[in-house]
Amino acid sequence: MSAQSQTNEAVSRLFSWPTRVYWEDTDAGGVVYHAQYVAFLERARTEWLRARGHSQEWLRGDHDLVFAVRAMTLDFLKPARLDDLLQVELVLRQCKRASVIFAQRVLRGEEVLLTAEVKVAALSAAGFRPKPLPDALYEEFKLFETPN
């Protein structure tokens, strides 16, 4: 595989979702409240699924499948502020039968504000117990795996 093909392949695996910082996202000083980053990360993962044609409602209704965060590591590097335009990026690092690990970043322009690793568990919507991904979804997710 040529270097250009590898670059194009890596770019297609990177997903980026824009978000603006609103007053409701900040503390009294206009700095994004730390817990709000979790919401930014969640929205990007939801939009990544949607961009692949999988709404969370469809997965729940048609496949009895929901995703729940199992573990999360966040590294806060620099603050975001009121009115900043941010990009929330993600790549799928690892897909197993009943869990997925994402690497995520929040950027302001080229400046990295936060890095995160998020492990989500696949669960039965009805029983909230671990459930394997449907075969087609598992195979699709494996195509997006981008190990370190």
C-alpha atoms as a PDB file:
ATOM      1  CA  MET A   1       0.000   0.000   0.000  1.00  0.00           C
ATOM      2  CA  SER A   2       1.429   3.423  -0.941  1.00  0.00           C
ATOM      3  CA  ALA A   3       1.981   6.187   1.620  1.00  0.00           C
ATOM      4  CA  GLN A   4      -0.788   8.214  -0.044  1.00  0.00           C
ATOM      5  CA  SER A   5      -3.247   5.302   0.215  1.00  0.00           C
ATOM      6  CA  GLN A   6      -2.377   4.857   3.882  1.00  0.00           C
ATOM      7  CA  THR A   7      -2.920   8.582   4.482  1.00  0.00           C
ATOM      8  CA  ASN A   8      -6.310   8.545   2.719  1.00  0.00           C
ATOM      9  CA  GLU A   9      -7.331   5.437   4.671  1.00  0.00           C
ATOM     10  CA  ALA A  10      -6.332   7.032   8.001  1.00  0.00           C
ATOM     11  CA  VAL A  11      -8.201  10.237   7.168  1.00  0.00           C
ATOM     12  CA  SER A  12     -11.391   8.320   6.345  1.00  0.00           C
ATOM     13  CA  ARG A  13     -11.230   6.604   9.741  1.00  0.00           C
ATOM     14  CA  LEU A  14     -10.980   9.911  11.610  1.00  0.00           C
ATOM     15  CA  PHE A  15     -14.365  11.430  12.419  1.00  0.00           C
ATOM     16  CA  SER A  16     -14.723  15.064  13.454  1.00  0.00           C
ATOM     17  CA  TRP A  17     -17.809  16.805  14.807  1.00  0.00           C
ATOM     18  CA  PRO A  18     -17.998  20.605  15.256  1.00  0.00           C
ATOM     19  CA  THR A  19     -19.517  22.156  18.351  1.00  0.00           C
ATOM     20  CA  ARG A  20     -19.741  25.678  19.686  1.00  0.00           C
ATOM     21  CA  VAL A  21     -19.275  26.570  23.364  1.00  0.00           C
ATOM     22  CA  TYR A  22     -22.440  28.178  24.724  1.00  0.00           C
ATOM     23  CA  TRP A  23     -23.063  29.978  27.997  1.00  0.00           C
ATOM     24  CA  GLU A  24     -24.729  26.860  29.428  1.00  0.00           C
ATOM     25  CA  ASP A  25     -21.456  24.929  28.883  1.00  0.00           C
ATOM     26  CA  THR A  26     -19.385  27.245  31.043  1.00  0.00           C
ATOM     27  CA  ASP A  27     -18.810  28.242  34.627  1.00  0.00           C
ATOM     28  CA  ALA A  28     -19.205  31.830  35.841  1.00  0.00           C
ATOM     29  CA  GLY A  29     -15.811  32.716  34.376  1.00  0.00           C
ATOM     30  CA  GLY A  30     -16.746  31.642  30.840  1.00  0.00           C
ATOM     31  CA  VAL A  31     -14.558  28.495  30.948  1.00  0.00           C
ATOM     32  CA  VAL A  32     -16.064  25.161  29.877  1.00  0.00           C
ATOM     33  CA  TYR A  33     -17.084  23.198  32.955  1.00  0.00           C
ATOM     34  CA  HIS A  34     -15.131  19.926  33.091  1.00  0.00           C
ATOM     35  CA  ALA A  35     -18.195  17.654  32.993  1.00  0.00           C
ATOM     36  CA  GLN A  36     -19.410  19.302  29.796  1.00  0.00           C
ATOM     37  CA  TYR A  37     -16.560  17.705  27.873  1.00  0.00           C
ATOM     38  CA  VAL A  38     -18.199  14.330  28.546  1.00  0.00           C
ATOM     39  CA  ALA A  39     -21.310  15.583  26.723  1.00  0.00           C
ATOM     40  CA  PHE A  40     -19.198  16.828  23.794  1.00  0.00           C
ATOM     41  CA  LEU A  41     -17.540  13.403  23.525  1.00  0.00           C
ATOM     42  CA  GLU A  42     -20.888  11.585  23.726  1.00  0.00           C
ATOM     43  CA  ARG A  43     -22.406  13.709  20.965  1.00  0.00           C
ATOM     44  CA  ALA A  44     -19.462  13.007  18.668  1.00  0.00           C
ATOM     45  CA  ARG A  45     -19.799   9.238  19.212  1.00  0.00           C
ATOM     46  CA  THR A  46     -23.541   9.473  18.508  1.00  0.00           C
ATOM     47  CA  GLU A  47     -22.913  11.456  15.317  1.00  0.00           C
ATOM     48  CA  TRP A  48     -20.208   8.968  14.263  1.00  0.00           C
ATOM     49  CA  LEU A  49     -22.822   6.213  14.500  1.00  0.00           C
ATOM     50  CA  ARG A  50     -25.377   8.351  12.640  1.00  0.00           C
ATOM     51  CA  ALA A  51     -22.840   9.119   9.862  1.00  0.00           C
ATOM     52  CA  ARG A  52     -22.591   5.355   9.367  1.00  0.00           C
ATOM     53  CA  GLY A  53     -26.373   5.030   9.091  1.00  0.00           C
ATOM     54  CA  HIS A  54     -27.012   3.749  12.626  1.00  0.00           C
ATOM     55  CA  SER A  55     -29.183   5.866  14.873  1.00  0.00           C
ATOM     56  CA  GLN A  56     -29.201   4.916  18.519  1.00  0.00           C
ATOM     57  CA  GLU A  57     -32.993   4.632  18.383  1.00  0.00           C
ATOM     58  CA  TRP A  58     -32.771   2.167  15.479  1.00  0.00           C
ATOM     59  CA  LEU A  59     -30.192   0.060  17.343  1.00  0.00           C
ATOM     60  CA  ARG A  60     -32.382   0.031  20.454  1.00  0.00           C
ATOM     61  CA  GLY A  61     -35.653  -0.640  18.656  1.00  0.00           C
ATOM     62  CA  ASP A  62     -34.542  -3.096  15.974  1.00  0.00           C
ATOM     63  CA  HIS A  63     -31.634  -4.824  17.710  1.00  0.00           C
ATOM     64  CA  ASP A  64     -32.342  -4.426  21.455  1.00  0.00           C
ATOM     65  CA  LEU A  65     -28.900  -2.789  21.637  1.00  0.00           C
ATOM     66  CA  VAL A  66     -27.646   0.214  23.578  1.00  0.00           C
ATOM     67  CA  PHE A  67     -24.154   1.450  24.357  1.00  0.00           C
ATOM     68  CA  ALA A  68     -23.122   2.491  27.864  1.00  0.00           C
ATOM     69  CA  VAL A  69     -19.832   4.022  28.915  1.00  0.00           C
ATOM     70  CA  ARG A  70     -17.871   1.427  30.889  1.00  0.00           C
ATOM     71  CA  ALA A  71     -14.647   3.369  31.447  1.00  0.00           C
ATOM     72  CA  MET A  72     -13.275   6.778  30.540  1.00  0.00           C
ATOM     73  CA  THR A  73      -9.896   8.431  30.909  1.00  0.00           C
ATOM     74  CA  LEU A  74      -9.719  12.164  30.305  1.00  0.00           C
ATOM     75  CA  ASP A  75      -6.657  14.394  30.108  1.00  0.00           C
ATOM     76  CA  PHE A  76      -7.520  18.082  30.356  1.00  0.00           C
ATOM     77  CA  LEU A  77      -4.746  20.025  28.612  1.00  0.00           C
ATOM     78  CA  LYS A  78      -6.105  23.554  28.055  1.00  0.00           C
ATOM     79  CA  PRO A  79      -9.429  25.274  28.736  1.00  0.00           C
ATOM     80  CA  ALA A  80     -12.116  25.965  26.167  1.00  0.00           C
ATOM     81  CA  ARG A  81     -14.024  29.220  26.570  1.00  0.00           C
ATOM     82  CA  LEU A  82     -17.350  30.798  25.763  1.00  0.00           C
ATOM     83  CA  ASP A  83     -17.981  31.070  21.983  1.00  0.00           C
ATOM     84  CA  ASP A  84     -15.032  28.839  21.001  1.00  0.00           C
ATOM     85  CA  LEU A  85     -15.632  26.702  17.945  1.00  0.00           C
ATOM     86  CA  LEU A  86     -14.404  23.207  18.772  1.00  0.00           C
ATOM     87  CA  GLN A  87     -13.860  20.018  16.821  1.00  0.00           C
ATOM     88  CA  VAL A  88     -14.483  16.757  18.640  1.00  0.00           C
ATOM     89  CA  GLU A  89     -12.569  13.975  16.936  1.00  0.00           C
ATOM     90  CA  LEU A  90     -12.682  10.237  17.329  1.00  0.00           C
ATOM     91  CA  VAL A  91     -11.169   7.087  15.990  1.00  0.00           C
ATOM     92  CA  LEU A  92     -12.227   3.576  16.857  1.00  0.00           C
ATOM     93  CA  ARG A  93      -9.223   1.932  18.531  1.00  0.00           C
ATOM     94  CA  GLN A  94     -10.588  -1.546  19.246  1.00  0.00           C
ATOM     95  CA  CYS A  95     -13.788  -3.443  18.604  1.00  0.00           C
ATOM     96  CA  LYS A  96     -14.604  -6.610  20.473  1.00  0.00           C
ATOM     97  CA  ARG A  97     -17.856  -8.563  20.367  1.00  0.00           C
ATOM     98  CA  ALA A  98     -19.490  -6.608  23.213  1.00  0.00           C
ATOM     99  CA  SER A  99     -17.314  -3.504  23.646  1.00  0.00           C
ATOM    100  CA  VAL A 100     -15.692  -0.725  21.668  1.00  0.00           C
ATOM    101  CA  ILE A 101     -12.805   1.565  22.616  1.00  0.00           C
ATOM    102  CA  PHE A 102     -12.624   5.059  21.123  1.00  0.00           C
ATOM    103  CA  ALA A 103      -9.764   7.558  21.227  1.00  0.00           C
ATOM    104  CA  GLN A 104     -11.163  11.089  21.237  1.00  0.00           C
ATOM    105  CA  ARG A 105      -9.803  14.634  21.222  1.00  0.00           C
ATOM    106  CA  VAL A 106     -11.285  18.091  21.574  1.00  0.00           C
ATOM    107  CA  LEU A 107      -9.533  20.769  19.547  1.00  0.00           C
ATOM    108  CA  ARG A 108      -9.773  24.516  19.049  1.00  0.00           C
ATOM    109  CA  GLY A 109      -8.225  24.977  15.639  1.00  0.00           C
ATOM    110  CA  GLU A 110      -4.978  22.983  15.757  1.00  0.00           C
ATOM    111  CA  GLU A 111      -4.727  23.250  19.558  1.00  0.00           C
ATOM    112  CA  VAL A 112      -5.565  20.048  21.461  1.00  0.00           C
ATOM    113  CA  LEU A 113      -7.591  20.881  24.574  1.00  0.00           C
ATOM    114  CA  LEU A 114      -8.491  17.390  25.787  1.00  0.00           C
ATOM    115  CA  THR A 115      -7.657  13.773  25.006  1.00  0.00           C
ATOM    116  CA  ALA A 116      -9.824  10.848  26.043  1.00  0.00           C
ATOM    117  CA  GLU A 117     -10.090   7.099  25.848  1.00  0.00           C
ATOM    118  CA  VAL A 118     -13.657   5.850  26.125  1.00  0.00           C
ATOM    119  CA  LYS A 119     -14.694   2.205  26.449  1.00  0.00           C
ATOM    120  CA  VAL A 120     -18.345   1.535  25.731  1.00  0.00           C
ATOM    121  CA  ALA A 121     -20.151  -1.705  26.438  1.00  0.00           C
ATOM    122  CA  ALA A 122     -22.808  -3.164  24.159  1.00  0.00           C
ATOM    123  CA  LEU A 123     -25.848  -4.014  26.253  1.00  0.00           C
ATOM    124  CA  SER A 124     -29.320  -5.416  25.800  1.00  0.00           C
ATOM    125  CA  ALA A 125     -31.743  -2.490  26.000  1.00  0.00           C
ATOM    126  CA  ALA A 126     -34.310  -4.685  27.731  1.00  0.00           C
ATOM    127  CA  GLY A 127     -32.086  -6.290  30.361  1.00  0.00           C
ATOM    128  CA  PHE A 128     -29.074  -3.969  30.466  1.00  0.00           C
ATOM    129  CA  ARG A 129     -26.784  -7.020  30.328  1.00  0.00           C
ATOM    130  CA  PRO A 130     -23.804  -7.461  27.957  1.00  0.00           C
ATOM    131  CA  LYS A 131     -24.872  -8.351  24.438  1.00  0.00           C
ATOM    132  CA  PRO A 132     -22.740  -9.092  21.366  1.00  0.00           C
ATOM    133  CA  LEU A 133     -22.907  -6.654  18.488  1.00  0.00           C
ATOM    134  CA  PRO A 134     -24.911  -7.927  15.525  1.00  0.00           C
ATOM    135  CA  ASP A 135     -22.526  -9.612  13.055  1.00  0.00           C
ATOM    136  CA  ALA A 136     -22.911  -6.940  10.341  1.00  0.00           C
ATOM    137  CA  LEU A 137     -22.273  -4.112  12.813  1.00  0.00           C
ATOM    138  CA  TYR A 138     -19.285  -5.909  14.319  1.00  0.00           C
ATOM    139  CA  GLU A 139     -17.762  -6.479  10.875  1.00  0.00           C
ATOM    140  CA  GLU A 140     -18.353  -2.843   9.921  1.00  0.00           C
ATOM    141  CA  PHE A 141     -16.789  -1.551  13.142  1.00  0.00           C
ATOM    142  CA  LYS A 142     -13.765  -3.823  12.618  1.00  0.00           C
ATOM    143  CA  LEU A 143     -13.170  -2.021   9.298  1.00  0.00           C
ATOM    144  CA  PHE A 144     -12.800   1.264  11.209  1.00  0.00           C
ATOM    145  CA  GLU A 145     -10.370  -0.098  13.800  1.00  0.00           C
ATOM    146  CA  THR A 146      -7.278   2.083  13.970  1.00  0.00           C
ATOM    147  CA  PRO A 147      -4.828   0.640  16.508  1.00  0.00           C
ATOM    148  CA  ASN A 148      -2.347   3.074  18.080  1.00  0.00           C
END
